[in-house]
Each structure stands twice: as C-alpha cells, then as structure tokens.
C-alpha cells in the first residue's frame, strides 16, 4: 500500500515544519504540494516520490504532459520563495507563533457559545461553529452548501471583514491561516476582529434557544 501525503495546503512551513508529515516522522511514498512552494506568487504544483516509486517507471512508462509543465518563471519563483523561507527562518517562526495563536483562539471558544471546537498547529487553525455546543451540532452542513442555502459562516466572514479581518469560511468552519511573516501584534488584531465577528453567530445560538 502506498502512502500519499496531500501537502497542498499544509506544506512549506504552514504548520511549523517544512511539511506536516515531519511532525510525526512520517516519510510518504508520494507527496503532493503547491501553493506555498512559490508563496502563491505564481501557480506551481509539485509531486515528489520515493526512489522505489520512481524506479517503477523506469520499466513502466507513464506518458503524460501538462501545458505549463516546468515553466521557468514559476520554477524561479519556487527557488526564490524557498530562499526567503530559509533567510527569514519562517518555518521556525510559524512553529513558535503557533501555540500563541492557538491560545488566543481557544480563548474565543471559552467566551463564545457558537464556537464548538478550535484545532490546529503552527499557523494553520480552524474554528468550528455550532448551534448547540453540548451536542456539537453544526449551523450548516455540506448538503445545505450544495443546495445553495445561506450559511452562517458566510455571515461571520462578512462581519469579520467589517472589522478589517480577512478569513476563509468553509461550510461550518473558519480557516485561520495568516501569512508566515505575520507579527504578534497583527495576530492579536486579527483575533480581536474574530472576537467581534463571532457575536453574530452567538446571537443565532441565543435565538435558537
């Protein structure tokens, strides 16, 4: 059985390691990644394989191609991004700031009844919304999103924007993923904005009661 690690979102320092699997000493057979490899300045996807997997294709040819495969400008951006990660020690920085961000986000869980769970590592966190914390009931489901129904998380995202904070909402979660160069003051400012925005979902918990 091959172990494939999808590090598209979690790679390149996001979790406080170059790749999330490093936290657990795991060496996958195949690793896929993108986004952070160029710091998102240019599109680039990367697939890395073990020596054993690569050797299989010496005798089992897999003919394929992509329109922009090996684009020199995107590859140059990747080299430049990796150079900056190292020069500014951004991987260690994400690892150091992660617990501080987590502590601030968990405080929101204490003060906001609409926060069901807070989880994450490094500078990659999620806030799960709930209409009933005791039963861990979500405000909305994947089925409701597919049906185009209004989502509470989108209302919270809009309110956060009013307070100067850009955050991604997904079905029933807020995804917290600040840039690796974020300062502690900026983290505190962002969490303060979320603190205000979550009052909107808190009101809906009260209304349902």
N, C-alpha and C. Protein backbone atom coordinates (compact mmCIF):
# COMPACT_ATOMS: atom_id res chain seq x y z
N UNK A 1 0.84 -1.20 0.00
CA UNK A 1 0.00 0.00 0.00
C UNK A 1 0.88 1.25 0.00
N UNK A 2 0.56 2.17 -0.89
CA UNK A 2 1.32 3.42 -0.96
C UNK A 2 0.71 4.48 -0.05
N UNK A 3 1.54 5.19 0.64
CA UNK A 3 1.08 6.30 1.47
C UNK A 3 1.30 7.60 0.70
N UNK A 4 0.21 8.32 0.43
CA UNK A 4 0.28 9.59 -0.30
C UNK A 4 -0.08 10.72 0.66
N UNK A 5 0.81 11.68 0.78
CA UNK A 5 0.57 12.84 1.65
C UNK A 5 0.16 14.03 0.80
N UNK A 6 -1.03 14.55 1.06
CA UNK A 6 -1.50 15.76 0.37
C UNK A 6 -1.07 16.97 1.18
N UNK A 7 -0.01 17.62 0.74
CA UNK A 7 0.54 18.77 1.46
C UNK A 7 0.32 20.07 0.67
N UNK A 8 -0.74 20.10 -0.12
CA UNK A 8 -1.03 21.31 -0.91
C UNK A 8 -1.25 22.50 0.01
N UNK A 9 -2.03 22.31 1.07
CA UNK A 9 -2.31 23.41 2.00
C UNK A 9 -1.36 23.42 3.19
N UNK A 10 -0.85 22.28 3.58
CA UNK A 10 -0.08 22.18 4.83
C UNK A 10 1.42 22.27 4.64
N UNK A 11 1.88 22.28 3.38
CA UNK A 11 3.32 22.30 3.14
C UNK A 11 3.95 23.68 3.23
N UNK A 12 5.28 23.69 3.20
CA UNK A 12 6.08 24.91 3.13
C UNK A 12 5.91 25.80 4.36
N UNK A 13 6.01 25.15 5.52
CA UNK A 13 6.08 25.90 6.77
C UNK A 13 4.77 26.25 7.42
N UNK A 14 3.68 25.99 6.76
CA UNK A 14 2.37 26.40 7.30
C UNK A 14 2.12 25.85 8.71
N UNK A 15 2.58 24.63 8.97
CA UNK A 15 2.32 24.02 10.28
C UNK A 15 3.50 24.12 11.23
N UNK A 16 4.55 24.81 10.82
CA UNK A 16 5.74 24.91 11.67
C UNK A 16 6.80 23.90 11.32
N UNK A 17 6.60 23.14 10.27
CA UNK A 17 7.60 22.24 9.68
C UNK A 17 7.54 22.46 8.18
N UNK A 18 8.59 22.05 7.48
CA UNK A 18 8.54 22.20 6.03
C UNK A 18 7.30 21.52 5.47
N UNK A 19 7.00 20.31 5.99
CA UNK A 19 5.79 19.59 5.62
C UNK A 19 5.16 19.01 6.88
N UNK A 20 3.85 18.92 6.91
CA UNK A 20 3.15 18.50 8.12
C UNK A 20 3.57 17.10 8.55
N UNK A 21 3.86 16.20 7.61
CA UNK A 21 4.24 14.84 7.99
C UNK A 21 5.49 14.81 8.85
N UNK A 22 6.31 15.85 8.77
CA UNK A 22 7.55 15.89 9.55
C UNK A 22 7.28 15.90 11.05
N UNK A 23 6.11 16.40 11.46
CA UNK A 23 5.78 16.43 12.88
C UNK A 23 5.78 15.03 13.48
N UNK A 24 5.45 14.05 12.67
CA UNK A 24 5.30 12.68 13.16
C UNK A 24 6.34 11.73 12.58
N UNK A 25 7.37 12.28 11.95
CA UNK A 25 8.44 11.45 11.42
C UNK A 25 8.00 10.51 10.32
N UNK A 26 6.98 10.90 9.57
CA UNK A 26 6.45 10.05 8.50
C UNK A 26 7.14 10.39 7.18
N UNK A 27 7.52 9.35 6.45
CA UNK A 27 8.09 9.51 5.12
C UNK A 27 7.13 8.87 4.12
N UNK A 28 6.34 9.68 3.42
CA UNK A 28 5.36 9.11 2.49
C UNK A 28 6.02 8.58 1.22
N UNK A 29 5.29 7.73 0.51
CA UNK A 29 5.78 7.24 -0.78
C UNK A 29 5.63 8.31 -1.85
N UNK A 30 4.56 9.07 -1.74
CA UNK A 30 4.28 10.15 -2.69
C UNK A 30 3.83 11.37 -1.90
N UNK A 31 4.33 12.52 -2.25
CA UNK A 31 3.93 13.78 -1.60
C UNK A 31 3.53 14.77 -2.69
N UNK A 32 2.36 15.33 -2.53
CA UNK A 32 1.90 16.36 -3.47
C UNK A 32 1.83 17.70 -2.75
N UNK A 33 2.20 18.74 -3.45
CA UNK A 33 2.19 20.06 -2.82
C UNK A 33 2.07 21.15 -3.88
N UNK A 34 1.74 22.35 -3.44
CA UNK A 34 1.57 23.51 -4.33
C UNK A 34 1.55 24.75 -3.45
N UNK A 35 0.76 25.75 -3.84
CA UNK A 35 0.56 26.97 -3.07
C UNK A 35 1.87 27.56 -2.53
N UNK A 36 2.27 27.14 -1.32
CA UNK A 36 3.40 27.74 -0.66
C UNK A 36 4.74 27.54 -1.34
N UNK A 37 4.83 26.63 -2.28
CA UNK A 37 6.12 26.40 -2.95
C UNK A 37 6.61 27.65 -3.66
N UNK A 38 5.68 28.51 -4.09
CA UNK A 38 6.06 29.80 -4.69
C UNK A 38 5.54 30.96 -3.85
N UNK A 39 5.12 30.68 -2.61
CA UNK A 39 4.45 31.68 -1.77
C UNK A 39 3.22 32.23 -2.48
N UNK A 40 2.68 31.44 -3.41
CA UNK A 40 1.46 31.76 -4.17
C UNK A 40 1.63 32.94 -5.12
N UNK A 41 2.86 33.35 -5.38
CA UNK A 41 3.05 34.43 -6.35
C UNK A 41 2.78 33.95 -7.77
N UNK A 42 3.08 32.68 -8.03
CA UNK A 42 2.81 32.08 -9.33
C UNK A 42 2.31 30.66 -9.11
N UNK A 43 1.48 30.14 -10.02
CA UNK A 43 0.97 28.78 -9.84
C UNK A 43 2.04 27.73 -10.13
N UNK A 44 2.15 26.76 -9.23
CA UNK A 44 3.08 25.66 -9.44
C UNK A 44 2.64 24.49 -8.56
N UNK A 45 2.59 23.31 -9.14
CA UNK A 45 2.31 22.10 -8.39
C UNK A 45 3.53 21.19 -8.43
N UNK A 46 3.74 20.45 -7.35
CA UNK A 46 4.90 19.57 -7.25
C UNK A 46 4.45 18.20 -6.76
N UNK A 47 4.94 17.15 -7.38
CA UNK A 47 4.74 15.79 -6.90
C UNK A 47 6.11 15.17 -6.68
N UNK A 48 6.36 14.73 -5.46
CA UNK A 48 7.63 14.08 -5.12
C UNK A 48 7.36 12.62 -4.80
N UNK A 49 8.24 11.74 -5.24
CA UNK A 49 8.06 10.31 -5.00
C UNK A 49 9.33 9.70 -4.43
N UNK A 50 9.17 8.56 -3.78
CA UNK A 50 10.33 7.86 -3.24
C UNK A 50 11.15 7.26 -4.37
N UNK A 51 12.38 6.88 -4.05
CA UNK A 51 13.25 6.24 -5.05
C UNK A 51 12.61 4.96 -5.59
N UNK A 52 11.96 4.22 -4.71
CA UNK A 52 11.32 2.97 -5.12
C UNK A 52 10.20 3.22 -6.12
N UNK A 53 9.36 4.23 -5.84
CA UNK A 53 8.26 4.55 -6.76
C UNK A 53 8.82 5.04 -8.09
N UNK A 54 9.83 5.89 -8.04
CA UNK A 54 10.42 6.42 -9.26
C UNK A 54 11.01 5.30 -10.11
N UNK A 55 11.64 4.32 -9.45
CA UNK A 55 12.28 3.23 -10.18
C UNK A 55 11.26 2.38 -10.94
N UNK A 56 10.04 2.30 -10.41
CA UNK A 56 8.99 1.52 -11.08
C UNK A 56 8.76 2.02 -12.51
N UNK A 57 8.88 3.32 -12.70
CA UNK A 57 8.57 3.90 -14.01
C UNK A 57 9.76 3.85 -14.98
N UNK A 58 10.88 3.30 -14.51
CA UNK A 58 11.98 3.06 -15.44
C UNK A 58 11.57 2.02 -16.47
N UNK A 59 10.76 1.05 -16.03
CA UNK A 59 10.32 -0.03 -16.92
C UNK A 59 8.82 0.01 -17.22
N UNK A 60 8.10 0.94 -16.60
CA UNK A 60 6.66 1.08 -16.83
C UNK A 60 6.38 2.54 -17.20
N UNK A 61 6.54 2.83 -18.45
CA UNK A 61 6.45 4.21 -18.91
C UNK A 61 5.04 4.76 -18.72
N UNK A 62 4.97 5.97 -18.14
CA UNK A 62 3.70 6.67 -17.97
C UNK A 62 3.76 7.95 -18.80
N UNK A 63 3.31 7.87 -20.05
CA UNK A 63 3.37 9.07 -20.91
C UNK A 63 2.32 10.10 -20.51
N UNK A 64 2.75 11.28 -20.19
CA UNK A 64 1.82 12.34 -19.83
C UNK A 64 2.50 13.69 -20.05
N UNK A 65 1.73 14.73 -20.00
CA UNK A 65 2.30 16.06 -20.15
C UNK A 65 1.31 17.12 -19.69
N UNK A 66 1.83 18.27 -19.41
CA UNK A 66 0.99 19.39 -18.96
C UNK A 66 1.40 20.64 -19.73
N UNK A 67 0.44 21.50 -20.00
CA UNK A 67 0.68 22.66 -20.84
C UNK A 67 1.83 23.53 -20.32
N UNK A 68 1.83 23.76 -18.99
CA UNK A 68 2.86 24.65 -18.43
C UNK A 68 3.86 23.90 -17.57
N UNK A 69 4.07 22.64 -17.87
CA UNK A 69 4.99 21.83 -17.08
C UNK A 69 6.41 22.41 -17.11
N UNK A 70 6.99 22.53 -15.94
CA UNK A 70 8.36 23.03 -15.85
C UNK A 70 8.52 24.47 -16.31
N UNK A 71 7.47 25.28 -16.13
CA UNK A 71 7.55 26.67 -16.58
C UNK A 71 8.68 27.39 -15.86
N UNK A 72 9.64 27.98 -16.57
CA UNK A 72 10.84 28.54 -15.93
C UNK A 72 10.55 29.68 -14.96
N UNK A 73 9.53 30.49 -15.23
CA UNK A 73 9.24 31.60 -14.32
C UNK A 73 8.67 31.08 -13.00
N UNK A 74 7.76 30.10 -13.10
CA UNK A 74 7.21 29.51 -11.87
C UNK A 74 8.30 28.81 -11.07
N UNK A 75 9.19 28.11 -11.75
CA UNK A 75 10.27 27.42 -11.05
C UNK A 75 11.22 28.42 -10.39
N UNK A 76 11.45 29.55 -11.05
CA UNK A 76 12.30 30.58 -10.46
C UNK A 76 11.65 31.15 -9.20
N UNK A 77 10.31 31.30 -9.24
CA UNK A 77 9.59 31.79 -8.06
C UNK A 77 9.71 30.81 -6.90
N UNK A 78 9.70 29.51 -7.22
CA UNK A 78 9.84 28.50 -6.17
C UNK A 78 11.21 28.61 -5.49
N UNK A 79 12.25 28.74 -6.29
CA UNK A 79 13.60 28.87 -5.75
C UNK A 79 13.70 30.12 -4.87
N UNK A 80 13.11 31.23 -5.34
CA UNK A 80 13.16 32.49 -4.58
C UNK A 80 12.40 32.36 -3.27
N UNK A 81 11.24 31.69 -3.31
CA UNK A 81 10.44 31.53 -2.09
C UNK A 81 11.18 30.69 -1.06
N UNK A 82 11.75 29.58 -1.50
CA UNK A 82 12.49 28.72 -0.58
C UNK A 82 13.67 29.48 0.04
N UNK A 83 14.32 30.32 -0.76
CA UNK A 83 15.42 31.13 -0.26
C UNK A 83 14.94 32.07 0.85
N UNK A 84 13.76 32.66 0.67
CA UNK A 84 13.22 33.58 1.67
C UNK A 84 12.79 32.83 2.93
N UNK A 85 12.18 31.66 2.77
CA UNK A 85 11.80 30.86 3.94
C UNK A 85 13.02 30.62 4.83
N UNK A 86 14.13 30.29 4.18
CA UNK A 86 15.35 29.99 4.94
C UNK A 86 15.99 31.25 5.50
N UNK A 87 16.09 32.28 4.70
CA UNK A 87 16.77 33.50 5.13
C UNK A 87 16.07 34.15 6.32
N UNK A 88 14.74 34.07 6.35
CA UNK A 88 13.98 34.69 7.43
C UNK A 88 13.52 33.71 8.50
N UNK A 89 13.99 32.47 8.39
CA UNK A 89 13.68 31.43 9.38
C UNK A 89 12.16 31.34 9.62
N UNK A 90 11.39 31.39 8.54
CA UNK A 90 9.93 31.44 8.65
C UNK A 90 9.32 30.14 9.15
N UNK A 91 9.98 29.02 8.92
CA UNK A 91 9.43 27.74 9.37
C UNK A 91 9.44 27.70 10.90
N UNK A 92 10.58 28.06 11.49
CA UNK A 92 10.67 28.09 12.95
C UNK A 92 9.75 29.15 13.54
N UNK A 93 9.59 30.22 12.81
CA UNK A 93 8.73 31.31 13.27
C UNK A 93 7.28 30.84 13.37
N UNK A 94 6.81 30.09 12.36
CA UNK A 94 5.45 29.56 12.40
C UNK A 94 5.28 28.59 13.57
N UNK A 95 6.32 27.79 13.82
CA UNK A 95 6.27 26.84 14.93
C UNK A 95 6.20 27.58 16.27
N UNK A 96 6.91 28.70 16.37
CA UNK A 96 6.95 29.46 17.61
C UNK A 96 5.65 30.22 17.86
N UNK A 97 5.06 30.77 16.79
CA UNK A 97 3.84 31.56 16.94
C UNK A 97 2.60 30.69 17.06
N UNK A 98 2.67 29.45 16.61
CA UNK A 98 1.51 28.58 16.63
C UNK A 98 0.84 28.44 17.98
N UNK A 99 1.57 28.09 19.04
CA UNK A 99 0.94 27.95 20.35
C UNK A 99 0.31 29.25 20.85
N UNK A 100 0.92 30.38 20.53
CA UNK A 100 0.37 31.66 20.97
C UNK A 100 -0.95 31.96 20.26
N UNK A 101 -0.99 31.67 18.95
CA UNK A 101 -2.23 31.85 18.21
C UNK A 101 -3.29 30.89 18.72
N UNK A 102 -2.90 29.65 18.96
CA UNK A 102 -3.85 28.66 19.46
C UNK A 102 -4.44 29.07 20.79
N UNK A 103 -3.62 29.61 21.68
CA UNK A 103 -4.11 30.05 22.98
C UNK A 103 -5.15 31.16 22.84
N UNK A 104 -4.91 32.10 21.93
CA UNK A 104 -5.86 33.19 21.72
C UNK A 104 -7.17 32.68 21.11
N UNK A 105 -7.05 31.74 20.18
CA UNK A 105 -8.26 31.20 19.55
C UNK A 105 -9.07 30.36 20.53
N UNK A 106 -8.39 29.62 21.39
CA UNK A 106 -9.12 28.82 22.39
C UNK A 106 -9.82 29.70 23.41
N UNK A 107 -9.30 30.90 23.62
CA UNK A 107 -9.99 31.84 24.50
C UNK A 107 -11.32 32.25 23.88
N UNK A 108 -11.37 32.32 22.54
CA UNK A 108 -12.64 32.61 21.87
C UNK A 108 -13.65 31.49 22.13
N UNK A 109 -13.15 30.27 22.21
CA UNK A 109 -14.03 29.14 22.49
C UNK A 109 -14.66 29.26 23.87
N UNK A 110 -13.91 29.82 24.79
CA UNK A 110 -14.42 29.99 26.15
C UNK A 110 -15.51 31.06 26.20
N UNK A 111 -15.33 32.13 25.44
CA UNK A 111 -16.23 33.28 25.55
C UNK A 111 -17.38 33.29 24.55
N UNK A 112 -17.32 32.42 23.53
CA UNK A 112 -18.36 32.43 22.51
C UNK A 112 -19.09 31.09 22.46
N UNK A 113 -20.37 31.06 22.80
CA UNK A 113 -21.13 29.80 22.77
C UNK A 113 -21.29 29.20 21.38
N UNK A 114 -21.05 29.98 20.34
CA UNK A 114 -21.18 29.46 18.97
C UNK A 114 -19.91 28.80 18.47
N UNK A 115 -18.86 28.75 19.29
CA UNK A 115 -17.62 28.07 18.90
C UNK A 115 -17.62 26.68 19.51
N UNK A 116 -17.69 25.67 18.64
CA UNK A 116 -17.75 24.29 19.12
C UNK A 116 -16.39 23.66 19.32
N UNK A 117 -15.44 24.03 18.48
CA UNK A 117 -14.12 23.43 18.58
C UNK A 117 -13.09 24.36 17.97
N UNK A 118 -11.88 24.30 18.49
CA UNK A 118 -10.74 25.03 17.93
C UNK A 118 -9.60 24.02 17.80
N UNK A 119 -9.03 23.91 16.62
CA UNK A 119 -7.95 22.94 16.43
C UNK A 119 -6.96 23.47 15.39
N UNK A 120 -5.73 23.03 15.52
CA UNK A 120 -4.74 23.47 14.56
C UNK A 120 -3.32 23.21 15.02
N UNK A 121 -2.39 23.66 14.21
CA UNK A 121 -0.97 23.50 14.50
C UNK A 121 -0.22 24.56 13.69
N UNK A 122 0.84 25.10 14.26
CA UNK A 122 1.58 26.16 13.57
C UNK A 122 0.69 27.35 13.27
N UNK A 123 0.69 27.80 12.03
CA UNK A 123 -0.17 28.91 11.64
C UNK A 123 -1.28 28.40 10.71
N UNK A 124 -1.89 27.29 11.11
CA UNK A 124 -2.98 26.69 10.35
C UNK A 124 -4.01 26.16 11.35
N UNK A 125 -5.13 26.91 11.49
CA UNK A 125 -6.13 26.60 12.50
C UNK A 125 -7.53 26.65 11.92
N UNK A 126 -8.46 26.04 12.65
CA UNK A 126 -9.87 26.08 12.26
C UNK A 126 -10.72 26.33 13.49
N UNK A 127 -11.74 27.15 13.30
CA UNK A 127 -12.76 27.37 14.32
C UNK A 127 -14.05 26.75 13.80
N UNK A 128 -14.56 25.79 14.54
CA UNK A 128 -15.80 25.11 14.16
C UNK A 128 -16.98 25.80 14.84
N UNK A 129 -17.97 26.17 14.05
CA UNK A 129 -19.15 26.82 14.61
C UNK A 129 -20.19 25.79 15.02
N UNK A 130 -20.98 26.11 16.02
CA UNK A 130 -22.01 25.19 16.47
C UNK A 130 -23.24 25.95 16.96
N UNK A 131 -24.41 25.37 16.71
CA UNK A 131 -25.64 25.95 17.23
C UNK A 131 -26.02 25.31 18.56
N UNK A 132 -25.30 24.23 18.91
CA UNK A 132 -25.54 23.54 20.18
C UNK A 132 -24.23 22.89 20.60
N UNK A 133 -23.52 23.55 21.50
CA UNK A 133 -22.19 23.07 21.87
C UNK A 133 -22.25 21.71 22.54
N UNK A 134 -23.28 21.50 23.35
CA UNK A 134 -23.41 20.23 24.07
C UNK A 134 -23.51 19.04 23.13
N UNK A 135 -24.23 19.22 22.03
CA UNK A 135 -24.42 18.13 21.07
C UNK A 135 -23.54 18.28 19.83
N UNK A 136 -22.72 19.34 19.80
CA UNK A 136 -21.81 19.60 18.68
C UNK A 136 -22.56 19.65 17.36
N UNK A 137 -23.70 20.32 17.33
CA UNK A 137 -24.49 20.42 16.11
C UNK A 137 -24.00 21.60 15.28
N UNK A 138 -23.68 21.38 14.01
CA UNK A 138 -23.23 22.48 13.16
C UNK A 138 -24.38 23.39 12.76
N UNK A 139 -24.08 24.63 12.45
CA UNK A 139 -25.10 25.53 11.91
C UNK A 139 -25.55 25.05 10.53
N UNK A 140 -24.57 24.63 9.74
CA UNK A 140 -24.86 24.22 8.37
C UNK A 140 -24.08 22.97 8.00
N UNK A 141 -24.53 22.27 6.95
CA UNK A 141 -23.92 21.03 6.51
C UNK A 141 -23.48 21.14 5.05
N UNK A 142 -22.73 20.16 4.62
CA UNK A 142 -22.27 20.11 3.22
C UNK A 142 -23.48 20.05 2.27
N UNK A 143 -24.51 19.32 2.67
CA UNK A 143 -25.71 19.20 1.85
C UNK A 143 -26.37 20.57 1.65
N UNK A 144 -26.40 21.37 2.70
CA UNK A 144 -27.01 22.70 2.60
C UNK A 144 -26.17 23.62 1.72
N UNK A 145 -24.85 23.48 1.80
CA UNK A 145 -23.99 24.28 0.92
C UNK A 145 -24.23 23.91 -0.54
N UNK A 146 -24.31 22.60 -0.81
CA UNK A 146 -24.54 22.13 -2.18
C UNK A 146 -25.88 22.62 -2.72
N UNK A 147 -26.83 22.80 -1.82
CA UNK A 147 -28.17 23.26 -2.23
C UNK A 147 -28.24 24.77 -2.38
N UNK A 148 -27.14 25.45 -2.08
CA UNK A 148 -27.11 26.91 -2.22
C UNK A 148 -27.81 27.66 -1.11
N UNK A 149 -28.01 27.00 0.03
CA UNK A 149 -28.69 27.65 1.15
C UNK A 149 -27.74 28.64 1.85
N UNK A 150 -28.30 29.67 2.48
CA UNK A 150 -27.46 30.64 3.21
C UNK A 150 -26.69 29.94 4.34
N UNK A 151 -25.43 30.32 4.50
CA UNK A 151 -24.58 29.71 5.52
C UNK A 151 -24.22 30.73 6.59
N UNK A 152 -24.31 30.31 7.83
CA UNK A 152 -23.97 31.19 8.94
C UNK A 152 -22.50 31.62 8.86
N UNK A 153 -21.62 30.71 8.45
CA UNK A 153 -20.21 31.03 8.40
C UNK A 153 -19.94 32.21 7.46
N UNK A 154 -20.72 32.33 6.40
CA UNK A 154 -20.53 33.45 5.47
C UNK A 154 -20.91 34.78 6.11
N UNK A 155 -21.89 34.75 6.98
CA UNK A 155 -22.29 35.96 7.71
C UNK A 155 -21.16 36.38 8.66
N UNK A 156 -20.55 35.39 9.31
CA UNK A 156 -19.43 35.67 10.22
C UNK A 156 -18.24 36.23 9.44
N UNK A 157 -17.96 35.66 8.27
CA UNK A 157 -16.86 36.14 7.43
C UNK A 157 -17.10 37.59 7.03
N UNK A 158 -18.33 37.90 6.65
CA UNK A 158 -18.66 39.27 6.25
C UNK A 158 -18.49 40.24 7.41
N UNK A 159 -18.88 39.81 8.59
CA UNK A 159 -18.73 40.65 9.77
C UNK A 159 -17.26 40.85 10.12
N UNK A 160 -16.46 39.80 9.94
CA UNK A 160 -15.03 39.92 10.19
C UNK A 160 -14.41 40.95 9.26
N UNK A 161 -14.84 40.95 8.00
CA UNK A 161 -14.33 41.94 7.05
C UNK A 161 -14.64 43.36 7.49
N UNK A 162 -15.80 43.54 8.09
CA UNK A 162 -16.18 44.86 8.60
C UNK A 162 -15.20 45.33 9.69
N UNK A 163 -14.56 44.36 10.34
CA UNK A 163 -13.59 44.68 11.39
C UNK A 163 -12.15 44.54 10.89
N UNK A 164 -12.00 44.51 9.56
CA UNK A 164 -10.67 44.52 8.98
C UNK A 164 -9.94 43.20 8.96
N UNK A 165 -10.68 42.08 9.10
CA UNK A 165 -10.05 40.76 9.14
C UNK A 165 -10.56 39.92 7.98
N UNK A 166 -9.64 39.42 7.16
CA UNK A 166 -9.99 38.53 6.06
C UNK A 166 -9.79 37.09 6.51
N UNK A 167 -10.87 36.31 6.48
CA UNK A 167 -10.81 34.92 6.92
C UNK A 167 -11.65 34.08 5.97
N UNK A 168 -11.24 32.84 5.76
CA UNK A 168 -11.94 31.94 4.85
C UNK A 168 -13.00 31.17 5.62
N UNK A 169 -14.20 31.13 5.07
CA UNK A 169 -15.27 30.33 5.65
C UNK A 169 -15.55 29.12 4.77
N UNK A 170 -15.72 27.95 5.39
CA UNK A 170 -15.99 26.74 4.62
C UNK A 170 -17.07 25.91 5.31
N UNK A 171 -18.28 25.99 4.81
CA UNK A 171 -19.46 25.25 5.28
C UNK A 171 -19.80 25.62 6.72
N UNK A 172 -18.98 25.19 7.67
CA UNK A 172 -19.27 25.48 9.08
C UNK A 172 -18.00 25.79 9.86
N UNK A 173 -16.93 26.14 9.13
CA UNK A 173 -15.65 26.40 9.76
C UNK A 173 -15.07 27.73 9.30
N UNK A 174 -14.31 28.33 10.17
CA UNK A 174 -13.45 29.46 9.81
C UNK A 174 -12.03 28.93 9.72
N UNK A 175 -11.36 29.17 8.61
CA UNK A 175 -9.99 28.70 8.43
C UNK A 175 -9.04 29.86 8.72
N UNK A 176 -8.19 29.67 9.72
CA UNK A 176 -7.26 30.71 10.16
C UNK A 176 -5.87 30.35 9.65
N UNK A 177 -5.39 31.09 8.65
CA UNK A 177 -4.08 30.78 8.06
C UNK A 177 -3.37 32.08 7.69
N UNK A 178 -2.87 32.81 8.68
CA UNK A 178 -2.18 34.08 8.39
C UNK A 178 -0.86 33.84 7.67
N UNK A 179 -0.33 34.84 7.00
CA UNK A 179 0.98 34.68 6.34
C UNK A 179 2.07 34.40 7.36
N UNK A 180 3.09 33.69 6.93
CA UNK A 180 4.15 33.31 7.84
C UNK A 180 4.94 34.50 8.36
N UNK A 181 4.80 35.65 7.72
CA UNK A 181 5.52 36.85 8.18
C UNK A 181 4.67 37.68 9.15
N UNK A 182 3.51 37.16 9.54
CA UNK A 182 2.63 37.90 10.42
C UNK A 182 3.33 38.21 11.75
N UNK A 183 3.02 39.38 12.31
CA UNK A 183 3.61 39.75 13.60
C UNK A 183 2.65 39.36 14.72
N UNK A 184 3.16 39.33 15.94
CA UNK A 184 2.31 39.01 17.09
C UNK A 184 1.22 40.06 17.25
N UNK A 185 1.54 41.31 16.98
CA UNK A 185 0.54 42.38 17.08
C UNK A 185 -0.56 42.18 16.05
N UNK A 186 -0.18 41.74 14.85
CA UNK A 186 -1.18 41.50 13.81
C UNK A 186 -2.06 40.30 14.15
N UNK A 187 -1.47 39.28 14.76
CA UNK A 187 -2.26 38.14 15.21
C UNK A 187 -3.31 38.58 16.23
N UNK A 188 -2.88 39.39 17.18
CA UNK A 188 -3.80 39.87 18.21
C UNK A 188 -4.91 40.71 17.59
N UNK A 189 -4.55 41.53 16.60
CA UNK A 189 -5.55 42.35 15.92
C UNK A 189 -6.56 41.47 15.17
N UNK A 190 -6.05 40.43 14.52
CA UNK A 190 -6.93 39.52 13.80
C UNK A 190 -7.88 38.78 14.72
N UNK A 191 -7.37 38.29 15.83
CA UNK A 191 -8.21 37.57 16.79
C UNK A 191 -9.25 38.51 17.40
N UNK A 192 -8.88 39.77 17.62
CA UNK A 192 -9.84 40.75 18.14
C UNK A 192 -10.99 40.95 17.16
N UNK A 193 -10.66 40.98 15.85
CA UNK A 193 -11.70 41.10 14.84
C UNK A 193 -12.62 39.89 14.82
N UNK A 194 -12.05 38.70 14.98
CA UNK A 194 -12.85 37.48 15.04
C UNK A 194 -13.73 37.48 16.29
N UNK A 195 -13.20 38.01 17.37
CA UNK A 195 -13.96 38.12 18.61
C UNK A 195 -15.25 38.90 18.39
N UNK A 196 -15.14 39.99 17.64
CA UNK A 196 -16.33 40.79 17.34
C UNK A 196 -17.25 40.08 16.36
N UNK A 197 -16.67 39.44 15.35
CA UNK A 197 -17.47 38.79 14.31
C UNK A 197 -18.27 37.62 14.86
N UNK A 198 -17.72 36.91 15.82
CA UNK A 198 -18.41 35.74 16.37
C UNK A 198 -19.64 36.09 17.18
N UNK A 199 -19.80 37.36 17.50
CA UNK A 199 -21.02 37.78 18.20
C UNK A 199 -22.25 37.56 17.33
N UNK A 200 -22.04 37.58 16.02
CA UNK A 200 -23.15 37.34 15.08
C UNK A 200 -23.66 35.92 15.23
N UNK A 201 -22.76 34.95 15.23
CA UNK A 201 -23.19 33.55 15.39
C UNK A 201 -23.66 33.28 16.82
N UNK A 202 -23.10 33.99 17.80
CA UNK A 202 -23.59 33.85 19.17
C UNK A 202 -25.06 34.24 19.26
N UNK A 203 -25.42 35.31 18.59
CA UNK A 203 -26.81 35.78 18.60
C UNK A 203 -27.75 34.72 18.03
N UNK A 204 -27.27 33.96 17.06
CA UNK A 204 -28.10 32.93 16.46
C UNK A 204 -28.26 31.74 17.39
N UNK A 205 -27.25 31.46 18.21
CA UNK A 205 -27.39 30.43 19.22
C UNK A 205 -28.45 30.83 20.20
N UNK A 206 -28.42 32.08 20.64
CA UNK A 206 -29.41 32.59 21.58
C UNK A 206 -30.80 32.53 20.97
N UNK A 207 -30.89 32.91 19.68
CA UNK A 207 -32.18 32.93 19.02
C UNK A 207 -32.77 31.53 18.93
N UNK A 208 -31.90 30.51 18.70
CA UNK A 208 -32.40 29.14 18.58
C UNK A 208 -32.84 28.61 19.94
N UNK A 209 -32.21 29.11 21.01
CA UNK A 209 -32.63 28.70 22.36
C UNK A 209 -34.03 29.22 22.66
